[in-house]
Amino acid sequence: MKIEPFALERWLTRHELHVRYDIAESGILPLTMHDLLNFEPADARAATLEQLLSLPLGYNEAVGTAALRSSLAATYAHCDPDNILVTTGAIEANFLLFNVLLDAGDHVIAPYPAYQQLYSVPRHWLRRVPMAHPA
């Protein structure tokens, strides 16, 4: 499958780290480990830090660890870990959503301009999905 270059990603790669003010970013300001630890009650920070420092870094379950999915599920009403899928970012999540919802011959309506993946992936991946796209 050949998808045209993601123009926005190419542009951001060239410019986003070399500007004084980044008004193109759609994400949030990154947090430091200190920032994350400060979300913990003061008396729990040392134990949390020790857990983080002892955490093995490597491949885990593809859907996310049971502990992570349990923690995330606990933030929702009537949700259990089996209802949670952890991805490595929105690009992977969007691709999985396209894979589950779309079949060849389906029609896709996507906002334009928007994040290019929302229209480029369905158009090229399914090949037969008719989509209106400005020239």
N, C-alpha and C. Protein backbone atom coordinates (compact mmCIF):
# COMPACT_ATOMS: atom_id res chain seq x y z
N MET A 1 0.85 -1.17 0.00
CA MET A 1 0.00 0.00 0.00
C MET A 1 0.89 1.23 0.00
N LYS A 2 0.66 2.12 -0.92
CA LYS A 2 1.40 3.37 -1.01
C LYS A 2 0.46 4.52 -0.67
N ILE A 3 0.77 5.22 0.39
CA ILE A 3 -0.01 6.38 0.80
C ILE A 3 0.86 7.61 0.56
N GLU A 4 0.23 8.66 0.04
CA GLU A 4 1.00 9.88 -0.21
C GLU A 4 1.63 10.37 1.10
N PRO A 5 2.75 11.06 1.01
CA PRO A 5 3.40 11.57 2.22
C PRO A 5 2.44 12.43 3.04
N PHE A 6 2.50 12.28 4.34
CA PHE A 6 1.69 13.11 5.24
C PHE A 6 2.36 14.47 5.33
N ALA A 7 1.84 15.40 4.56
CA ALA A 7 2.47 16.72 4.43
C ALA A 7 2.62 17.42 5.78
N LEU A 8 1.60 17.35 6.62
CA LEU A 8 1.68 18.00 7.92
C LEU A 8 2.81 17.42 8.77
N GLU A 9 2.91 16.11 8.81
CA GLU A 9 3.98 15.47 9.60
C GLU A 9 5.36 15.86 9.07
N ARG A 10 5.50 15.90 7.76
CA ARG A 10 6.79 16.30 7.17
C ARG A 10 7.12 17.74 7.55
N TRP A 11 6.12 18.62 7.50
CA TRP A 11 6.32 20.02 7.83
C TRP A 11 6.69 20.15 9.31
N LEU A 12 5.94 19.45 10.19
CA LEU A 12 6.23 19.53 11.62
C LEU A 12 7.63 19.00 11.93
N THR A 13 8.02 17.93 11.27
CA THR A 13 9.35 17.38 11.51
C THR A 13 10.43 18.40 11.20
N ARG A 14 10.23 19.19 10.18
CA ARG A 14 11.22 20.21 9.81
C ARG A 14 11.21 21.42 10.74
N HIS A 15 10.03 21.77 11.28
CA HIS A 15 9.92 23.07 11.93
C HIS A 15 9.56 23.07 13.42
N GLU A 16 8.87 22.06 13.92
CA GLU A 16 8.28 22.17 15.25
C GLU A 16 9.28 22.36 16.39
N LEU A 17 10.47 21.86 16.24
CA LEU A 17 11.44 21.99 17.32
C LEU A 17 12.35 23.20 17.18
N HIS A 18 12.12 23.99 16.14
CA HIS A 18 13.01 25.12 15.86
C HIS A 18 12.26 26.45 15.88
N VAL A 19 11.20 26.54 16.65
CA VAL A 19 10.42 27.77 16.72
C VAL A 19 10.30 28.22 18.17
N ARG A 20 10.08 29.49 18.34
CA ARG A 20 9.90 30.01 19.70
C ARG A 20 8.51 29.68 20.21
N TYR A 21 7.50 29.82 19.36
CA TYR A 21 6.11 29.53 19.74
C TYR A 21 5.54 28.52 18.75
N ASP A 22 5.06 27.42 19.26
CA ASP A 22 4.49 26.37 18.42
C ASP A 22 2.97 26.45 18.52
N ILE A 23 2.34 27.03 17.51
CA ILE A 23 0.88 27.13 17.52
C ILE A 23 0.25 26.07 16.61
N ALA A 24 1.06 25.17 16.07
CA ALA A 24 0.55 24.11 15.20
C ALA A 24 0.31 22.81 15.96
N GLU A 25 0.87 22.68 17.12
CA GLU A 25 0.78 21.43 17.89
C GLU A 25 -0.63 21.21 18.40
N SER A 26 -1.10 19.98 18.29
CA SER A 26 -2.43 19.65 18.82
C SER A 26 -2.33 18.87 20.12
N GLY A 27 -1.12 18.56 20.55
CA GLY A 27 -0.93 17.81 21.78
C GLY A 27 -0.85 18.74 22.98
N ILE A 28 -0.34 18.20 24.07
CA ILE A 28 -0.20 18.97 25.30
C ILE A 28 1.27 19.12 25.64
N LEU A 29 1.55 20.04 26.53
CA LEU A 29 2.91 20.21 27.01
C LEU A 29 3.34 18.94 27.74
N PRO A 30 4.48 18.38 27.38
CA PRO A 30 4.92 17.14 28.04
C PRO A 30 5.13 17.34 29.54
N LEU A 31 4.84 16.30 30.29
CA LEU A 31 5.07 16.32 31.73
C LEU A 31 6.40 15.66 32.05
N THR A 32 7.01 16.09 33.14
CA THR A 32 8.21 15.43 33.63
C THR A 32 7.80 14.35 34.63
N MET A 33 8.73 13.52 34.99
CA MET A 33 8.44 12.51 36.03
C MET A 33 8.10 13.20 37.34
N HIS A 34 8.75 14.34 37.64
CA HIS A 34 8.39 15.09 38.84
C HIS A 34 6.94 15.55 38.80
N ASP A 35 6.50 16.04 37.63
CA ASP A 35 5.11 16.45 37.47
C ASP A 35 4.16 15.30 37.77
N LEU A 36 4.49 14.13 37.20
CA LEU A 36 3.63 12.96 37.42
C LEU A 36 3.61 12.55 38.89
N LEU A 37 4.76 12.55 39.53
CA LEU A 37 4.82 12.17 40.94
C LEU A 37 4.04 13.14 41.81
N ASN A 38 3.98 14.40 41.41
CA ASN A 38 3.24 15.38 42.20
C ASN A 38 1.73 15.16 42.17
N PHE A 39 1.25 14.32 41.26
CA PHE A 39 -0.17 13.94 41.29
C PHE A 39 -0.46 12.97 42.44
N GLU A 40 0.56 12.30 42.92
CA GLU A 40 0.42 11.36 44.03
C GLU A 40 0.39 12.11 45.35
N PRO A 41 -0.32 11.57 46.34
CA PRO A 41 -0.23 12.18 47.69
C PRO A 41 1.24 12.16 48.15
N ALA A 42 1.64 13.15 48.89
CA ALA A 42 3.04 13.29 49.31
C ALA A 42 3.58 12.03 49.97
N ASP A 43 2.76 11.37 50.78
CA ASP A 43 3.25 10.19 51.49
C ASP A 43 3.35 8.95 50.60
N ALA A 44 2.85 9.01 49.36
CA ALA A 44 2.90 7.87 48.45
C ALA A 44 3.96 8.03 47.37
N ARG A 45 4.58 9.20 47.29
CA ARG A 45 5.50 9.48 46.19
C ARG A 45 6.74 8.59 46.19
N ALA A 46 7.32 8.34 47.34
CA ALA A 46 8.53 7.51 47.39
C ALA A 46 8.23 6.09 46.90
N ALA A 47 7.11 5.53 47.31
CA ALA A 47 6.75 4.17 46.88
C ALA A 47 6.45 4.15 45.38
N THR A 48 5.78 5.18 44.89
CA THR A 48 5.47 5.25 43.46
C THR A 48 6.75 5.38 42.65
N LEU A 49 7.67 6.21 43.12
CA LEU A 49 8.95 6.37 42.44
C LEU A 49 9.70 5.04 42.40
N GLU A 50 9.71 4.32 43.49
CA GLU A 50 10.39 3.01 43.54
C GLU A 50 9.75 2.04 42.55
N GLN A 51 8.42 2.06 42.45
CA GLN A 51 7.73 1.21 41.46
C GLN A 51 8.15 1.57 40.05
N LEU A 52 8.22 2.86 39.76
CA LEU A 52 8.63 3.30 38.43
C LEU A 52 10.07 2.91 38.11
N LEU A 53 10.95 3.07 39.08
CA LEU A 53 12.36 2.75 38.87
C LEU A 53 12.58 1.25 38.72
N SER A 54 11.66 0.45 39.24
CA SER A 54 11.77 -1.01 39.16
C SER A 54 11.02 -1.59 37.96
N LEU A 55 10.33 -0.76 37.23
CA LEU A 55 9.52 -1.21 36.11
C LEU A 55 10.41 -1.68 34.96
N PRO A 56 10.27 -2.94 34.55
CA PRO A 56 11.08 -3.40 33.42
C PRO A 56 10.58 -2.75 32.12
N LEU A 57 11.50 -2.32 31.30
CA LEU A 57 11.16 -1.70 30.02
C LEU A 57 11.38 -2.73 28.92
N GLY A 58 10.34 -3.06 28.23
CA GLY A 58 10.41 -4.05 27.16
C GLY A 58 9.03 -4.25 26.57
N TYR A 59 8.88 -5.28 25.79
CA TYR A 59 7.59 -5.57 25.19
C TYR A 59 6.62 -6.05 26.24
N ASN A 60 5.42 -5.57 26.15
CA ASN A 60 4.35 -6.01 27.04
C ASN A 60 3.22 -6.57 26.20
N GLU A 61 2.11 -6.84 26.85
CA GLU A 61 0.94 -7.31 26.14
C GLU A 61 0.55 -6.28 25.08
N ALA A 62 0.15 -6.73 23.91
CA ALA A 62 -0.18 -5.82 22.82
C ALA A 62 -1.33 -4.88 23.17
N VAL A 63 -2.26 -5.31 24.00
CA VAL A 63 -3.41 -4.48 24.36
C VAL A 63 -3.14 -3.58 25.55
N GLY A 64 -1.94 -3.66 26.14
CA GLY A 64 -1.61 -2.92 27.35
C GLY A 64 -1.62 -3.89 28.53
N THR A 65 -0.82 -3.61 29.52
CA THR A 65 -0.76 -4.52 30.66
C THR A 65 -2.09 -4.52 31.41
N ALA A 66 -2.34 -5.62 32.09
CA ALA A 66 -3.57 -5.73 32.88
C ALA A 66 -3.64 -4.62 33.93
N ALA A 67 -2.51 -4.30 34.54
CA ALA A 67 -2.49 -3.26 35.57
C ALA A 67 -2.86 -1.89 34.96
N LEU A 68 -2.31 -1.56 33.80
CA LEU A 68 -2.62 -0.29 33.16
C LEU A 68 -4.08 -0.24 32.73
N ARG A 69 -4.55 -1.32 32.09
CA ARG A 69 -5.95 -1.34 31.65
C ARG A 69 -6.91 -1.28 32.83
N SER A 70 -6.54 -1.91 33.95
CA SER A 70 -7.38 -1.84 35.16
C SER A 70 -7.43 -0.42 35.70
N SER A 71 -6.29 0.25 35.72
CA SER A 71 -6.25 1.64 36.20
C SER A 71 -7.08 2.55 35.31
N LEU A 72 -6.98 2.36 34.01
CA LEU A 72 -7.75 3.18 33.09
C LEU A 72 -9.25 2.87 33.19
N ALA A 73 -9.59 1.61 33.29
CA ALA A 73 -11.00 1.22 33.40
C ALA A 73 -11.63 1.80 34.66
N ALA A 74 -10.87 1.91 35.71
CA ALA A 74 -11.39 2.44 36.98
C ALA A 74 -11.80 3.90 36.88
N THR A 75 -11.38 4.59 35.84
CA THR A 75 -11.76 6.00 35.68
C THR A 75 -13.12 6.15 34.99
N TYR A 76 -13.72 5.05 34.57
CA TYR A 76 -15.02 5.06 33.87
C TYR A 76 -16.05 4.27 34.66
N ALA A 77 -17.32 4.68 34.55
CA ALA A 77 -18.41 3.92 35.15
C ALA A 77 -18.70 2.70 34.28
N HIS A 78 -18.95 1.58 34.90
CA HIS A 78 -19.36 0.35 34.20
C HIS A 78 -18.36 -0.08 33.13
N CYS A 79 -17.09 -0.06 33.46
CA CYS A 79 -16.04 -0.43 32.51
C CYS A 79 -15.07 -1.37 33.20
N ASP A 80 -14.66 -2.40 32.49
CA ASP A 80 -13.64 -3.29 33.05
C ASP A 80 -12.44 -3.32 32.10
N PRO A 81 -11.33 -3.90 32.54
CA PRO A 81 -10.11 -3.88 31.72
C PRO A 81 -10.27 -4.47 30.33
N ASP A 82 -11.20 -5.40 30.16
CA ASP A 82 -11.41 -5.98 28.83
C ASP A 82 -12.03 -4.99 27.85
N ASN A 83 -12.54 -3.86 28.34
CA ASN A 83 -13.10 -2.82 27.48
C ASN A 83 -12.05 -1.78 27.09
N ILE A 84 -10.82 -1.95 27.53
CA ILE A 84 -9.76 -0.98 27.32
C ILE A 84 -8.71 -1.57 26.37
N LEU A 85 -8.32 -0.78 25.39
CA LEU A 85 -7.23 -1.14 24.49
C LEU A 85 -6.25 0.02 24.50
N VAL A 86 -5.01 -0.25 24.85
CA VAL A 86 -3.98 0.77 24.89
C VAL A 86 -3.22 0.73 23.58
N THR A 87 -3.05 1.89 22.95
CA THR A 87 -2.29 1.97 21.70
C THR A 87 -1.09 2.88 21.90
N THR A 88 -0.21 2.87 20.93
CA THR A 88 1.00 3.69 21.03
C THR A 88 0.77 5.11 20.52
N GLY A 89 -0.46 5.48 20.35
CA GLY A 89 -0.81 6.83 19.93
C GLY A 89 -2.07 6.84 19.12
N ALA A 90 -2.52 8.02 18.77
CA ALA A 90 -3.78 8.17 18.03
C ALA A 90 -3.69 7.57 16.63
N ILE A 91 -2.53 7.59 16.00
CA ILE A 91 -2.41 7.03 14.65
C ILE A 91 -2.76 5.54 14.68
N GLU A 92 -2.22 4.82 15.64
CA GLU A 92 -2.53 3.39 15.75
C GLU A 92 -4.00 3.18 16.09
N ALA A 93 -4.52 3.98 16.99
CA ALA A 93 -5.94 3.85 17.37
C ALA A 93 -6.85 4.12 16.18
N ASN A 94 -6.55 5.16 15.40
CA ASN A 94 -7.35 5.46 14.21
C ASN A 94 -7.29 4.31 13.21
N PHE A 95 -6.10 3.78 12.98
CA PHE A 95 -5.95 2.69 12.03
C PHE A 95 -6.76 1.48 12.47
N LEU A 96 -6.71 1.14 13.76
CA LEU A 96 -7.48 0.01 14.26
C LEU A 96 -8.98 0.25 14.11
N LEU A 97 -9.41 1.48 14.35
CA LEU A 97 -10.82 1.82 14.18
C LEU A 97 -11.24 1.65 12.72
N PHE A 98 -10.42 2.12 11.78
CA PHE A 98 -10.72 1.92 10.36
C PHE A 98 -10.83 0.43 10.05
N ASN A 99 -9.92 -0.35 10.59
CA ASN A 99 -9.88 -1.78 10.33
C ASN A 99 -11.16 -2.47 10.82
N VAL A 100 -11.67 -2.05 11.95
CA VAL A 100 -12.87 -2.67 12.52
C VAL A 100 -14.14 -2.20 11.83
N LEU A 101 -14.23 -0.93 11.51
CA LEU A 101 -15.48 -0.36 11.02
C LEU A 101 -15.66 -0.41 9.50
N LEU A 102 -14.58 -0.41 8.74
CA LEU A 102 -14.70 -0.21 7.30
C LEU A 102 -14.48 -1.49 6.50
N ASP A 103 -15.24 -1.60 5.42
CA ASP A 103 -15.07 -2.67 4.45
C ASP A 103 -14.97 -2.03 3.07
N ALA A 104 -14.34 -2.74 2.15
CA ALA A 104 -14.25 -2.25 0.77
C ALA A 104 -15.65 -1.91 0.27
N GLY A 105 -15.77 -0.77 -0.38
CA GLY A 105 -17.06 -0.33 -0.89
C GLY A 105 -17.78 0.62 0.05
N ASP A 106 -17.34 0.72 1.30
CA ASP A 106 -17.95 1.66 2.24
C ASP A 106 -17.66 3.09 1.80
N HIS A 107 -18.49 3.98 2.25
CA HIS A 107 -18.28 5.41 1.99
C HIS A 107 -17.72 6.02 3.27
N VAL A 108 -16.74 6.88 3.12
CA VAL A 108 -16.12 7.56 4.24
C VAL A 108 -16.29 9.06 4.06
N ILE A 109 -16.78 9.71 5.08
CA ILE A 109 -16.88 11.16 5.09
C ILE A 109 -15.94 11.64 6.19
N ALA A 110 -15.01 12.46 5.80
CA ALA A 110 -14.02 12.96 6.76
C ALA A 110 -13.92 14.47 6.61
N PRO A 111 -13.68 15.18 7.72
CA PRO A 111 -13.49 16.63 7.61
C PRO A 111 -12.22 16.93 6.81
N TYR A 112 -12.26 18.02 6.07
CA TYR A 112 -11.10 18.44 5.31
C TYR A 112 -11.06 19.95 5.28
N PRO A 113 -10.00 20.61 5.60
CA PRO A 113 -8.74 19.99 6.01
C PRO A 113 -8.85 19.45 7.44
N ALA A 114 -8.10 18.43 7.67
CA ALA A 114 -8.04 17.80 8.99
C ALA A 114 -6.75 17.00 9.05
N TYR A 115 -6.60 16.23 10.09
CA TYR A 115 -5.42 15.37 10.19
C TYR A 115 -5.46 14.40 9.02
N GLN A 116 -4.42 14.41 8.22
CA GLN A 116 -4.42 13.72 6.93
C GLN A 116 -4.75 12.24 7.03
N GLN A 117 -4.38 11.59 8.11
CA GLN A 117 -4.66 10.17 8.26
C GLN A 117 -6.15 9.86 8.15
N LEU A 118 -7.00 10.79 8.56
CA LEU A 118 -8.44 10.55 8.58
C LEU A 118 -9.02 10.33 7.20
N TYR A 119 -8.38 10.87 6.16
CA TYR A 119 -8.89 10.64 4.81
C TYR A 119 -7.91 9.86 3.94
N SER A 120 -6.62 9.98 4.17
CA SER A 120 -5.65 9.28 3.31
C SER A 120 -5.65 7.78 3.55
N VAL A 121 -5.68 7.36 4.78
CA VAL A 121 -5.63 5.92 5.05
C VAL A 121 -6.86 5.20 4.50
N PRO A 122 -8.08 5.65 4.80
CA PRO A 122 -9.22 4.93 4.21
C PRO A 122 -9.20 4.94 2.68
N ARG A 123 -8.83 6.06 2.07
CA ARG A 123 -8.84 6.14 0.61
C ARG A 123 -7.86 5.14 0.00
N HIS A 124 -6.67 5.04 0.53
CA HIS A 124 -5.66 4.18 -0.08
C HIS A 124 -5.72 2.75 0.44
N TRP A 125 -6.11 2.58 1.66
CA TRP A 125 -6.14 1.25 2.24
C TRP A 125 -7.26 0.43 1.64
N LEU A 126 -8.41 1.02 1.48
CA LEU A 126 -9.56 0.29 0.96
C LEU A 126 -9.65 0.35 -0.55
N ARG A 127 -8.98 1.30 -1.14
CA ARG A 127 -8.91 1.48 -2.59
C ARG A 127 -10.25 1.73 -3.25
N ARG A 128 -11.31 1.08 -2.81
CA ARG A 128 -12.60 1.22 -3.48
C ARG A 128 -13.56 2.09 -2.69
N VAL A 129 -13.06 2.82 -1.71
CA VAL A 129 -13.91 3.69 -0.92
C VAL A 129 -13.98 5.03 -1.62
N PRO A 130 -15.16 5.37 -2.20
CA PRO A 130 -15.26 6.66 -2.88
C PRO A 130 -15.20 7.80 -1.87
N MET A 131 -14.33 8.76 -2.12
CA MET A 131 -14.21 9.90 -1.23
C MET A 131 -14.05 11.16 -2.04
N ALA A 132 -14.76 12.20 -1.64
CA ALA A 132 -14.56 13.50 -2.27
C ALA A 132 -13.30 14.11 -1.67
N HIS A 133 -12.42 14.58 -2.51
CA HIS A 133 -11.16 15.17 -2.02
C HIS A 133 -10.80 16.32 -2.96
N PRO A 134 -10.53 17.48 -2.41
CA PRO A 134 -10.15 18.61 -3.27
C PRO A 134 -8.89 18.28 -4.07
N ALA A 135 -8.83 18.78 -5.25
CA ALA A 135 -7.66 18.52 -6.12
C ALA A 135 -6.43 19.19 -5.59
